Amino acid sequence: MPDFLSRHSAGFLLDRGTLNPGRSPYAELFRYYPQKHAALSAVAGRRSFLWAVRSQIGFRHYEMCKPVEWVLRVGVDRILGYVDDEKWMAFLDERFANVDGCFTLKPPT
């Protein structure tokens, strides 16, 4: 099973409760984050999911709003798909019109 890293805000308990996009730090940064998250959820086919990166790759940037890092061991059968960071951020910033192309079932090259 591959190891992944997932970052969250302080106080977020990964092993309790439900995930609420409206409580994400991104909801404060991007006006339509809950709606955009819902669009991605529809494409991914799941209402709720965690964002994570492979531990051997790691995160490219540090985000002050997400200071807590979790190490997750995830079965390959539990990976929903992959998000293209650049397209997703363009979608959040309203520079990319729709969510299509942000999500794929195959790992990026």
PDB file of N, CA and C in Angstrom:
ATOM      1  N   MET A   1       0.837  -1.188   0.000  1.00  0.00           N
ATOM      2  CA  MET A   1       0.000   0.000   0.000  1.00  0.00           C
ATOM      3  C   MET A   1       0.879   1.248   0.000  1.00  0.00           C
ATOM      4  N   PRO A   2       0.585   2.168  -0.900  1.00  0.00           N
ATOM      5  CA  PRO A   2       1.378   3.404  -0.934  1.00  0.00           C
ATOM      6  C   PRO A   2       1.014   4.346   0.209  1.00  0.00           C
ATOM      7  N   ASP A   3       1.997   5.134   0.631  1.00  0.00           N
ATOM      8  CA  ASP A   3       1.776   6.164   1.646  1.00  0.00           C
ATOM      9  C   ASP A   3       1.464   7.483   0.953  1.00  0.00           C
ATOM     10  N   PHE A   4       0.549   8.231   1.543  1.00  0.00           N
ATOM     11  CA  PHE A   4       0.164   9.541   1.042  1.00  0.00           C
ATOM     12  C   PHE A   4       0.259  10.557   2.160  1.00  0.00           C
ATOM     13  N   LEU A   5       0.325  11.825   1.784  1.00  0.00           N
ATOM     14  CA  LEU A   5       0.299  12.938   2.721  1.00  0.00           C
ATOM     15  C   LEU A   5      -0.969  13.751   2.455  1.00  0.00           C
ATOM     16  N   SER A   6      -1.612  14.184   3.519  1.00  0.00           N
ATOM     17  CA  SER A   6      -2.789  15.024   3.405  1.00  0.00           C
ATOM     18  C   SER A   6      -2.650  16.137   4.441  1.00  0.00           C
ATOM     19  N   ARG A   7      -2.877  17.375   4.020  1.00  0.00           N
ATOM     20  CA  ARG A   7      -2.743  18.518   4.930  1.00  0.00           C
ATOM     21  C   ARG A   7      -4.100  19.126   5.245  1.00  0.00           C
ATOM     22  N   HIS A   8      -4.214  19.565   6.501  1.00  0.00           N
ATOM     23  CA  HIS A   8      -5.488  20.109   6.969  1.00  0.00           C
ATOM     24  C   HIS A   8      -5.258  21.230   7.970  1.00  0.00           C
ATOM     25  N   SER A   9      -6.330  21.957   8.235  1.00  0.00           N
ATOM     26  CA  SER A   9      -6.244  23.042   9.206  1.00  0.00           C
ATOM     27  C   SER A   9      -6.173  22.465  10.617  1.00  0.00           C
ATOM     28  N   ALA A  10      -5.674  23.285  11.536  1.00  0.00           N
ATOM     29  CA  ALA A  10      -5.596  22.875  12.942  1.00  0.00           C
ATOM     30  C   ALA A  10      -7.004  22.589  13.447  1.00  0.00           C
ATOM     31  N   GLY A  11      -7.146  21.558  14.218  1.00  0.00           N
ATOM     32  CA  GLY A  11      -8.449  21.197  14.756  1.00  0.00           C
ATOM     33  C   GLY A  11      -9.219  20.210  13.902  1.00  0.00           C
ATOM     34  N   PHE A  12      -8.787  20.001  12.662  1.00  0.00           N
ATOM     35  CA  PHE A  12      -9.460  19.030  11.801  1.00  0.00           C
ATOM     36  C   PHE A  12      -9.072  17.628  12.258  1.00  0.00           C
ATOM     37  N   LEU A  13     -10.065  16.801  12.530  1.00  0.00           N
ATOM     38  CA  LEU A  13      -9.814  15.435  12.964  1.00  0.00           C
ATOM     39  C   LEU A  13     -10.140  14.489  11.816  1.00  0.00           C
ATOM     40  N   LEU A  14      -9.124  13.928  11.253  1.00  0.00           N
ATOM     41  CA  LEU A  14      -9.260  13.072  10.074  1.00  0.00           C
ATOM     42  C   LEU A  14     -10.071  11.818  10.362  1.00  0.00           C
ATOM     43  N   ASP A  15     -10.026  11.356  11.586  1.00  0.00           N
ATOM     44  CA  ASP A  15     -10.676  10.095  11.928  1.00  0.00           C
ATOM     45  C   ASP A  15     -12.050  10.265  12.589  1.00  0.00           C
ATOM     46  N   ARG A  16     -12.609  11.482  12.543  1.00  0.00           N
ATOM     47  CA  ARG A  16     -13.914  11.720  13.163  1.00  0.00           C
ATOM     48  C   ARG A  16     -14.746  12.677  12.317  1.00  0.00           C
ATOM     49  N   GLY A  17     -16.042  12.486  12.390  1.00  0.00           N
ATOM     50  CA  GLY A  17     -16.940  13.430  11.732  1.00  0.00           C
ATOM     51  C   GLY A  17     -17.011  13.252  10.228  1.00  0.00           C
ATOM     52  N   THR A  18     -17.555  14.279   9.591  1.00  0.00           N
ATOM     53  CA  THR A  18     -17.697  14.267   8.145  1.00  0.00           C
ATOM     54  C   THR A  18     -16.920  15.432   7.550  1.00  0.00           C
ATOM     55  N   LEU A  19     -16.641  15.319   6.285  1.00  0.00           N
ATOM     56  CA  LEU A  19     -15.922  16.380   5.581  1.00  0.00           C
ATOM     57  C   LEU A  19     -16.926  17.417   5.095  1.00  0.00           C
ATOM     58  N   ASN A  20     -16.635  18.675   5.360  1.00  0.00           N
ATOM     59  CA  ASN A  20     -17.527  19.760   4.977  1.00  0.00           C
ATOM     60  C   ASN A  20     -16.726  20.795   4.208  1.00  0.00           C
ATOM     61  N   PRO A  21     -16.881  20.856   2.876  1.00  0.00           N
ATOM     62  CA  PRO A  21     -16.117  21.822   2.080  1.00  0.00           C
ATOM     63  C   PRO A  21     -16.323  23.268   2.518  1.00  0.00           C
ATOM     64  N   GLY A  22     -17.476  23.572   3.086  1.00  0.00           N
ATOM     65  CA  GLY A  22     -17.737  24.930   3.552  1.00  0.00           C
ATOM     66  C   GLY A  22     -16.879  25.345   4.729  1.00  0.00           C
ATOM     67  N   ARG A  23     -16.288  24.367   5.435  1.00  0.00           N
ATOM     68  CA  ARG A  23     -15.412  24.662   6.569  1.00  0.00           C
ATOM     69  C   ARG A  23     -13.933  24.612   6.177  1.00  0.00           C
ATOM     70  N   SER A  24     -13.655  24.314   4.930  1.00  0.00           N
ATOM     71  CA  SER A  24     -12.278  24.290   4.448  1.00  0.00           C
ATOM     72  C   SER A  24     -11.697  25.698   4.468  1.00  0.00           C
ATOM     73  N   PRO A  25     -10.404  25.835   4.742  1.00  0.00           N
ATOM     74  CA  PRO A  25      -9.786  27.164   4.651  1.00  0.00           C
ATOM     75  C   PRO A  25      -9.931  27.767   3.253  1.00  0.00           C
ATOM     76  N   TYR A  26     -10.070  26.920   2.241  1.00  0.00           N
ATOM     77  CA  TYR A  26     -10.244  27.421   0.868  1.00  0.00           C
ATOM     78  C   TYR A  26     -11.579  28.131   0.679  1.00  0.00           C
ATOM     79  N   ALA A  27     -12.564  27.797   1.507  1.00  0.00           N
ATOM     80  CA  ALA A  27     -13.862  28.464   1.412  1.00  0.00           C
ATOM     81  C   ALA A  27     -13.738  29.949   1.731  1.00  0.00           C
ATOM     82  N   GLU A  28     -12.736  30.317   2.511  1.00  0.00           N
ATOM     83  CA  GLU A  28     -12.489  31.731   2.816  1.00  0.00           C
ATOM     84  C   GLU A  28     -11.696  32.410   1.706  1.00  0.00           C
ATOM     85  N   LEU A  29     -10.904  31.638   0.998  1.00  0.00           N
ATOM     86  CA  LEU A  29     -10.045  32.191  -0.051  1.00  0.00           C
ATOM     87  C   LEU A  29     -10.725  32.276  -1.413  1.00  0.00           C
ATOM     88  N   PHE A  30     -11.617  31.325  -1.684  1.00  0.00           N
ATOM     89  CA  PHE A  30     -12.293  31.251  -2.978  1.00  0.00           C
ATOM     90  C   PHE A  30     -13.797  31.314  -2.746  1.00  0.00           C
ATOM     91  N   ARG A  31     -14.401  32.350  -3.263  1.00  0.00           N
ATOM     92  CA  ARG A  31     -15.804  32.660  -2.998  1.00  0.00           C
ATOM     93  C   ARG A  31     -16.750  31.493  -3.285  1.00  0.00           C
ATOM     94  N   TYR A  32     -16.521  30.762  -4.323  1.00  0.00           N
ATOM     95  CA  TYR A  32     -17.428  29.676  -4.718  1.00  0.00           C
ATOM     96  C   TYR A  32     -16.851  28.299  -4.433  1.00  0.00           C
ATOM     97  N   TYR A  33     -15.954  28.188  -3.467  1.00  0.00           N
ATOM     98  CA  TYR A  33     -15.310  26.904  -3.204  1.00  0.00           C
ATOM     99  C   TYR A  33     -16.296  25.758  -2.954  1.00  0.00           C
ATOM    100  N   PRO A  34     -17.300  25.901  -2.096  1.00  0.00           N
ATOM    101  CA  PRO A  34     -18.223  24.766  -1.889  1.00  0.00           C
ATOM    102  C   PRO A  34     -18.913  24.313  -3.184  1.00  0.00           C
ATOM    103  N   GLN A  35     -19.300  25.260  -4.026  1.00  0.00           N
ATOM    104  CA  GLN A  35     -19.940  24.909  -5.293  1.00  0.00           C
ATOM    105  C   GLN A  35     -18.946  24.248  -6.254  1.00  0.00           C
ATOM    106  N   LYS A  36     -17.741  24.752  -6.272  1.00  0.00           N
ATOM    107  CA  LYS A  36     -16.707  24.174  -7.153  1.00  0.00           C
ATOM    108  C   LYS A  36     -16.336  22.776  -6.674  1.00  0.00           C
ATOM    109  N   HIS A  37     -16.261  22.611  -5.358  1.00  0.00           N
ATOM    110  CA  HIS A  37     -15.990  21.288  -4.784  1.00  0.00           C
ATOM    111  C   HIS A  37     -17.109  20.325  -5.162  1.00  0.00           C
ATOM    112  N   ALA A  38     -18.354  20.798  -5.122  1.00  0.00           N
ATOM    113  CA  ALA A  38     -19.499  19.963  -5.510  1.00  0.00           C
ATOM    114  C   ALA A  38     -19.406  19.548  -6.975  1.00  0.00           C
ATOM    115  N   ALA A  39     -18.940  20.451  -7.838  1.00  0.00           N
ATOM    116  CA  ALA A  39     -18.769  20.115  -9.257  1.00  0.00           C
ATOM    117  C   ALA A  39     -17.711  19.024  -9.423  1.00  0.00           C
ATOM    118  N   LEU A  40     -16.607  19.144  -8.686  1.00  0.00           N
ATOM    119  CA  LEU A  40     -15.565  18.120  -8.741  1.00  0.00           C
ATOM    120  C   LEU A  40     -16.081  16.801  -8.171  1.00  0.00           C
ATOM    121  N   SER A  41     -16.859  16.865  -7.105  1.00  0.00           N
ATOM    122  CA  SER A  41     -17.453  15.664  -6.514  1.00  0.00           C
ATOM    123  C   SER A  41     -18.317  14.928  -7.522  1.00  0.00           C
ATOM    124  N   ALA A  42     -19.078  15.678  -8.306  1.00  0.00           N
ATOM    125  CA  ALA A  42     -19.938  15.062  -9.315  1.00  0.00           C
ATOM    126  C   ALA A  42     -19.101  14.336 -10.365  1.00  0.00           C
ATOM    127  N   VAL A  43     -17.996  14.941 -10.779  1.00  0.00           N
ATOM    128  CA  VAL A  43     -17.119  14.317 -11.767  1.00  0.00           C
ATOM    129  C   VAL A  43     -16.435  13.086 -11.174  1.00  0.00           C
ATOM    130  N   ALA A  44     -16.025  13.178  -9.912  1.00  0.00           N
ATOM    131  CA  ALA A  44     -15.337  12.067  -9.250  1.00  0.00           C
ATOM    132  C   ALA A  44     -16.304  10.956  -8.846  1.00  0.00           C
ATOM    133  N   GLY A  45     -17.578  11.281  -8.762  1.00  0.00           N
ATOM    134  CA  GLY A  45     -18.568  10.289  -8.384  1.00  0.00           C
ATOM    135  C   GLY A  45     -18.657  10.035  -6.889  1.00  0.00           C
ATOM    136  N   ARG A  46     -18.120  10.943  -6.097  1.00  0.00           N
ATOM    137  CA  ARG A  46     -18.167  10.835  -4.628  1.00  0.00           C
ATOM    138  C   ARG A  46     -18.450  12.201  -4.030  1.00  0.00           C
ATOM    139  N   ARG A  47     -19.291  12.227  -3.024  1.00  0.00           N
ATOM    140  CA  ARG A  47     -19.598  13.481  -2.345  1.00  0.00           C
ATOM    141  C   ARG A  47     -18.453  13.913  -1.429  1.00  0.00           C
ATOM    142  N   SER A  48     -17.751  12.938  -0.896  1.00  0.00           N
ATOM    143  CA  SER A  48     -16.731  13.216   0.103  1.00  0.00           C
ATOM    144  C   SER A  48     -15.439  12.474  -0.243  1.00  0.00           C
ATOM    145  N   PHE A  49     -14.331  13.188  -0.150  1.00  0.00           N
ATOM    146  CA  PHE A  49     -13.032  12.573  -0.412  1.00  0.00           C
ATOM    147  C   PHE A  49     -11.936  13.432   0.199  1.00  0.00           C
ATOM    148  N   LEU A  50     -10.783  12.834   0.393  1.00  0.00           N
ATOM    149  CA  LEU A  50      -9.612  13.562   0.902  1.00  0.00           C
ATOM    150  C   LEU A  50      -8.669  13.872  -0.241  1.00  0.00           C
ATOM    151  N   TRP A  51      -8.036  15.021  -0.152  1.00  0.00           N
ATOM    152  CA  TRP A  51      -6.969  15.371  -1.085  1.00  0.00           C
ATOM    153  C   TRP A  51      -5.669  14.850  -0.491  1.00  0.00           C
ATOM    154  N   ALA A  52      -4.852  14.242  -1.300  1.00  0.00           N
ATOM    155  CA  ALA A  52      -3.584  13.714  -0.810  1.00  0.00           C
ATOM    156  C   ALA A  52      -2.589  13.644  -1.957  1.00  0.00           C
ATOM    157  N   VAL A  53      -1.309  13.588  -1.596  1.00  0.00           N
ATOM    158  CA  VAL A  53      -0.237  13.399  -2.574  1.00  0.00           C
ATOM    159  C   VAL A  53       0.604  12.211  -2.123  1.00  0.00           C
ATOM    160  N   ARG A  54       1.223  11.559  -3.063  1.00  0.00           N
ATOM    161  CA  ARG A  54       2.116  10.451  -2.704  1.00  0.00           C
ATOM    162  C   ARG A  54       3.244  10.991  -1.837  1.00  0.00           C
ATOM    163  N   SER A  55       3.559  10.268  -0.776  1.00  0.00           N
ATOM    164  CA  SER A  55       4.554  10.764   0.179  1.00  0.00           C
ATOM    165  C   SER A  55       5.927  10.928  -0.464  1.00  0.00           C
ATOM    166  N   GLN A  56       6.285  10.070  -1.419  1.00  0.00           N
ATOM    167  CA  GLN A  56       7.606  10.203  -2.036  1.00  0.00           C
ATOM    168  C   GLN A  56       7.711  11.436  -2.934  1.00  0.00           C
ATOM    169  N   ILE A  57       6.576  11.966  -3.363  1.00  0.00           N
ATOM    170  CA  ILE A  57       6.577  13.201  -4.162  1.00  0.00           C
ATOM    171  C   ILE A  57       6.502  14.406  -3.235  1.00  0.00           C
ATOM    172  N   GLY A  58       5.612  14.346  -2.252  1.00  0.00           N
ATOM    173  CA  GLY A  58       5.448  15.443  -1.299  1.00  0.00           C
ATOM    174  C   GLY A  58       4.713  16.628  -1.892  1.00  0.00           C
ATOM    175  N   PHE A  59       4.470  17.610  -1.050  1.00  0.00           N
ATOM    176  CA  PHE A  59       3.798  18.834  -1.477  1.00  0.00           C
ATOM    177  C   PHE A  59       4.804  19.798  -2.088  1.00  0.00           C
ATOM    178  N   ARG A  60       4.376  20.542  -3.098  1.00  0.00           N
ATOM    179  CA  ARG A  60       5.244  21.532  -3.736  1.00  0.00           C
ATOM    180  C   ARG A  60       5.308  22.829  -2.951  1.00  0.00           C
ATOM    181  N   HIS A  61       4.250  23.104  -2.165  1.00  0.00           N
ATOM    182  CA  HIS A  61       4.159  24.367  -1.445  1.00  0.00           C
ATOM    183  C   HIS A  61       3.671  24.117  -0.022  1.00  0.00           C
ATOM    184  N   TYR A  62       4.014  25.047   0.846  1.00  0.00           N
ATOM    185  CA  TYR A  62       3.470  25.029   2.208  1.00  0.00           C
ATOM    186  C   TYR A  62       2.349  26.049   2.262  1.00  0.00           C
ATOM    187  N   GLU A  63       1.241  25.689   2.880  1.00  0.00           N
ATOM    188  CA  GLU A  63       0.111  26.592   3.024  1.00  0.00           C
ATOM    189  C   GLU A  63      -0.108  26.875   4.513  1.00  0.00           C
ATOM    190  N   MET A  64      -0.038  28.132   4.883  1.00  0.00           N
ATOM    191  CA  MET A  64      -0.204  28.523   6.283  1.00  0.00           C
ATOM    192  C   MET A  64      -1.567  28.091   6.830  1.00  0.00           C
ATOM    193  N   CYS A  65      -2.574  28.016   5.960  1.00  0.00           N
ATOM    194  CA  CYS A  65      -3.922  27.664   6.426  1.00  0.00           C
ATOM    195  C   CYS A  65      -4.073  26.165   6.686  1.00  0.00           C
ATOM    196  N   LYS A  66      -3.064  25.378   6.323  1.00  0.00           N
ATOM    197  CA  LYS A  66      -3.125  23.922   6.537  1.00  0.00           C
ATOM    198  C   LYS A  66      -1.808  23.443   7.165  1.00  0.00           C
ATOM    199  N   PRO A  67      -1.604  23.721   8.453  1.00  0.00           N
ATOM    200  CA  PRO A  67      -0.321  23.400   9.088  1.00  0.00           C
ATOM    201  C   PRO A  67      -0.165  21.951   9.564  1.00  0.00           C
ATOM    202  N   VAL A  68      -1.237  21.163   9.548  1.00  0.00           N
ATOM    203  CA  VAL A  68      -1.175  19.797  10.072  1.00  0.00           C
ATOM    204  C   VAL A  68      -1.082  18.806   8.908  1.00  0.00           C
ATOM    205  N   GLU A  69      -0.070  17.963   8.963  1.00  0.00           N
ATOM    206  CA  GLU A  69       0.127  16.981   7.896  1.00  0.00           C
ATOM    207  C   GLU A  69      -0.109  15.577   8.430  1.00  0.00           C
ATOM    208  N   TRP A  70      -0.937  14.820   7.734  1.00  0.00           N
ATOM    209  CA  TRP A  70      -1.239  13.437   8.090  1.00  0.00           C
ATOM    210  C   TRP A  70      -0.548  12.518   7.094  1.00  0.00           C
ATOM    211  N   VAL A  71      -0.036  11.407   7.586  1.00  0.00           N
ATOM    212  CA  VAL A  71       0.507  10.355   6.730  1.00  0.00           C
ATOM    213  C   VAL A  71      -0.551   9.263   6.662  1.00  0.00           C
ATOM    214  N   LEU A  72      -0.943   8.904   5.452  1.00  0.00           N
ATOM    215  CA  LEU A  72      -2.009   7.936   5.242  1.00  0.00           C
ATOM    216  C   LEU A  72      -1.494   6.746   4.444  1.00  0.00           C
ATOM    217  N   ARG A  73      -1.855   5.575   4.851  1.00  0.00           N
ATOM    218  CA  ARG A  73      -1.574   4.370   4.072  1.00  0.00           C
ATOM    219  C   ARG A  73      -2.889   3.978   3.410  1.00  0.00           C
ATOM    220  N   VAL A  74      -2.906   4.043   2.084  1.00  0.00           N
ATOM    221  CA  VAL A  74      -4.150   3.879   1.336  1.00  0.00           C
ATOM    222  C   VAL A  74      -4.019   2.726   0.350  1.00  0.00           C
ATOM    223  N   GLY A  75      -4.994   1.843   0.374  1.00  0.00           N
ATOM    224  CA  GLY A  75      -5.031   0.768  -0.605  1.00  0.00           C
ATOM    225  C   GLY A  75      -5.290   1.328  -1.996  1.00  0.00           C
ATOM    226  N   VAL A  76      -4.651   0.765  -2.990  1.00  0.00           N
ATOM    227  CA  VAL A  76      -4.789   1.247  -4.362  1.00  0.00           C
ATOM    228  C   VAL A  76      -6.252   1.259  -4.791  1.00  0.00           C
ATOM    229  N   ASP A  77      -7.036   0.323  -4.315  1.00  0.00           N
ATOM    230  CA  ASP A  77      -8.459   0.255  -4.662  1.00  0.00           C
ATOM    231  C   ASP A  77      -9.275   1.395  -4.039  1.00  0.00           C
ATOM    232  N   ARG A  78      -8.687   2.154  -3.132  1.00  0.00           N
ATOM    233  CA  ARG A  78      -9.386   3.277  -2.479  1.00  0.00           C
ATOM    234  C   ARG A  78      -9.062   4.623  -3.122  1.00  0.00           C
ATOM    235  N   ILE A  79      -8.172   4.620  -4.104  1.00  0.00           N
ATOM    236  CA  ILE A  79      -7.826   5.863  -4.798  1.00  0.00           C
ATOM    237  C   ILE A  79      -8.905   6.143  -5.835  1.00  0.00           C
ATOM    238  N   LEU A  80      -9.586   7.275  -5.696  1.00  0.00           N
ATOM    239  CA  LEU A  80     -10.677   7.623  -6.607  1.00  0.00           C
ATOM    240  C   LEU A  80     -10.171   8.095  -7.957  1.00  0.00           C
ATOM    241  N   GLY A  81      -9.073   8.829  -7.940  1.00  0.00           N
ATOM    242  CA  GLY A  81      -8.548   9.404  -9.162  1.00  0.00           C
ATOM    243  C   GLY A  81      -7.527  10.475  -8.841  1.00  0.00           C
ATOM    244  N   TYR A  82      -7.249  11.299  -9.838  1.00  0.00           N
ATOM    245  CA  TYR A  82      -6.188  12.287  -9.728  1.00  0.00           C
ATOM    246  C   TYR A  82      -6.690  13.642 -10.207  1.00  0.00           C
ATOM    247  N   VAL A  83      -6.253  14.686  -9.521  1.00  0.00           N
ATOM    248  CA  VAL A  83      -6.650  16.048  -9.855  1.00  0.00           C
ATOM    249  C   VAL A  83      -5.442  16.777 -10.436  1.00  0.00           C
ATOM    250  N   ASP A  84      -5.645  17.432 -11.555  1.00  0.00           N
ATOM    251  CA  ASP A  84      -4.618  18.274 -12.162  1.00  0.00           C
ATOM    252  C   ASP A  84      -4.633  19.599 -11.399  1.00  0.00           C
ATOM    253  N   ASP A  85      -3.595  19.811 -10.590  1.00  0.00           N
ATOM    254  CA  ASP A  85      -3.515  21.005  -9.735  1.00  0.00           C
ATOM    255  C   ASP A  85      -3.691  22.309 -10.498  1.00  0.00           C
ATOM    256  N   GLU A  86      -3.005  22.430 -11.612  1.00  0.00           N
ATOM    257  CA  GLU A  86      -3.049  23.692 -12.362  1.00  0.00           C
ATOM    258  C   GLU A  86      -4.449  23.974 -12.888  1.00  0.00           C
ATOM    259  N   LYS A  87      -5.094  22.961 -13.437  1.00  0.00           N
ATOM    260  CA  LYS A  87      -6.457  23.153 -13.946  1.00  0.00           C
ATOM    261  C   LYS A  87      -7.443  23.409 -12.812  1.00  0.00           C
ATOM    262  N   TRP A  88      -7.269  22.689 -11.702  1.00  0.00           N
ATOM    263  CA  TRP A  88      -8.163  22.891 -10.556  1.00  0.00           C
ATOM    264  C   TRP A  88      -8.031  24.310 -10.015  1.00  0.00           C
ATOM    265  N   MET A  89      -6.813  24.803  -9.854  1.00  0.00           N
ATOM    266  CA  MET A  89      -6.619  26.159  -9.342  1.00  0.00           C
ATOM    267  C   MET A  89      -7.163  27.192 -10.323  1.00  0.00           C
ATOM    268  N   ALA A  90      -7.012  26.947 -11.617  1.00  0.00           N
ATOM    269  CA  ALA A  90      -7.583  27.854 -12.616  1.00  0.00           C
ATOM    270  C   ALA A  90      -9.108  27.843 -12.529  1.00  0.00           C
ATOM    271  N   PHE A  91      -9.699  26.680 -12.277  1.00  0.00           N
ATOM    272  CA  PHE A  91     -11.144  26.568 -12.106  1.00  0.00           C
ATOM    273  C   PHE A  91     -11.592  27.344 -10.863  1.00  0.00           C
ATOM    274  N   LEU A  92     -10.857  27.204  -9.767  1.00  0.00           N
ATOM    275  CA  LEU A  92     -11.193  27.948  -8.540  1.00  0.00           C
ATOM    276  C   LEU A  92     -11.077  29.452  -8.746  1.00  0.00           C
ATOM    277  N   ASP A  93     -10.050  29.865  -9.491  1.00  0.00           N
ATOM    278  CA  ASP A  93      -9.792  31.291  -9.737  1.00  0.00           C
ATOM    279  C   ASP A  93     -10.674  31.881 -10.831  1.00  0.00           C
ATOM    280  N   GLU A  94     -11.577  31.056 -11.388  1.00  0.00           N
ATOM    281  CA  GLU A  94     -12.461  31.498 -12.469  1.00  0.00           C
ATOM    282  C   GLU A  94     -11.696  31.801 -13.759  1.00  0.00           C
ATOM    283  N   ARG A  95     -10.511  31.200 -13.919  1.00  0.00           N
ATOM    284  CA  ARG A  95      -9.749  31.342 -15.168  1.00  0.00           C
ATOM    285  C   ARG A  95     -10.004  30.170 -16.106  1.00  0.00           C
ATOM    286  N   PHE A  96     -10.676  29.161 -15.618  1.00  0.00           N
ATOM    287  CA  PHE A  96     -10.992  27.951 -16.378  1.00  0.00           C
ATOM    288  C   PHE A  96     -12.487  27.737 -16.196  1.00  0.00           C
ATOM    289  N   ALA A  97     -13.227  27.644 -17.285  1.00  0.00           N
ATOM    290  CA  ALA A  97     -14.686  27.695 -17.243  1.00  0.00           C
ATOM    291  C   ALA A  97     -15.370  26.522 -16.550  1.00  0.00           C
ATOM    292  N   ASN A  98     -14.841  25.314 -16.700  1.00  0.00           N
ATOM    293  CA  ASN A  98     -15.539  24.186 -16.084  1.00  0.00           C
ATOM    294  C   ASN A  98     -14.559  23.179 -15.505  1.00  0.00           C
ATOM    295  N   VAL A  99     -15.101  22.262 -14.758  1.00  0.00           N
ATOM    296  CA  VAL A  99     -14.293  21.296 -14.016  1.00  0.00           C
ATOM    297  C   VAL A  99     -13.764  20.166 -14.912  1.00  0.00           C
ATOM    298  N   ASP A 100     -14.350  20.002 -16.090  1.00  0.00           N
ATOM    299  CA  ASP A 100     -13.887  18.953 -16.998  1.00  0.00           C
ATOM    300  C   ASP A 100     -12.399  19.114 -17.267  1.00  0.00           C
ATOM    301  N   GLY A 101     -11.687  18.042 -17.200  1.00  0.00           N
ATOM    302  CA  GLY A 101     -10.243  18.079 -17.405  1.00  0.00           C
ATOM    303  C   GLY A 101      -9.452  18.216 -16.115  1.00  0.00           C
ATOM    304  N   CYS A 102     -10.126  18.532 -15.012  1.00  0.00           N
ATOM    305  CA  CYS A 102      -9.439  18.644 -13.723  1.00  0.00           C
ATOM    306  C   CYS A 102      -9.209  17.274 -13.086  1.00  0.00           C
ATOM    307  N   PHE A 103     -10.052  16.307 -13.411  1.00  0.00           N
ATOM    308  CA  PHE A 103     -10.041  15.008 -12.760  1.00  0.00           C
ATOM    309  C   PHE A 103      -9.855  13.895 -13.782  1.00  0.00           C
ATOM    310  N   THR A 104      -9.036  12.910 -13.420  1.00  0.00           N
ATOM    311  CA  THR A 104      -8.831  11.743 -14.269  1.00  0.00           C
ATOM    312  C   THR A 104      -8.673  10.497 -13.403  1.00  0.00           C
ATOM    313  N   LEU A 105      -8.990   9.369 -13.983  1.00  0.00           N
ATOM    314  CA  LEU A 105      -8.828   8.104 -13.269  1.00  0.00           C
ATOM    315  C   LEU A 105      -7.402   7.580 -13.365  1.00  0.00           C
ATOM    316  N   LYS A 106      -6.663   8.071 -14.336  1.00  0.00           N
ATOM    317  CA  LYS A 106      -5.294   7.605 -14.558  1.00  0.00           C
ATOM    318  C   LYS A 106      -4.293   8.560 -13.907  1.00  0.00           C
ATOM    319  N   PRO A 107      -3.203   8.018 -13.367  1.00  0.00           N
ATOM    320  CA  PRO A 107      -2.187   8.899 -12.782  1.00  0.00           C
ATOM    321  C   PRO A 107      -1.596   9.826 -13.843  1.00  0.00           C
ATOM    322  N   PRO A 108      -1.290  11.055 -13.473  1.00  0.00           N
ATOM    323  CA  PRO A 108      -0.678  11.979 -14.429  1.00  0.00           C
ATOM    324  C   PRO A 108       0.713  11.521 -14.828  1.00  0.00           C
ATOM    325  N   THR A 109       1.133  11.930 -15.995  1.00  0.00           N
ATOM    326  CA  THR A 109       2.481  11.561 -16.455  1.00  0.00           C
ATOM    327  C   THR A 109       3.518  12.456 -15.847  1.00  0.00           C
TER     328      THR A 109
END
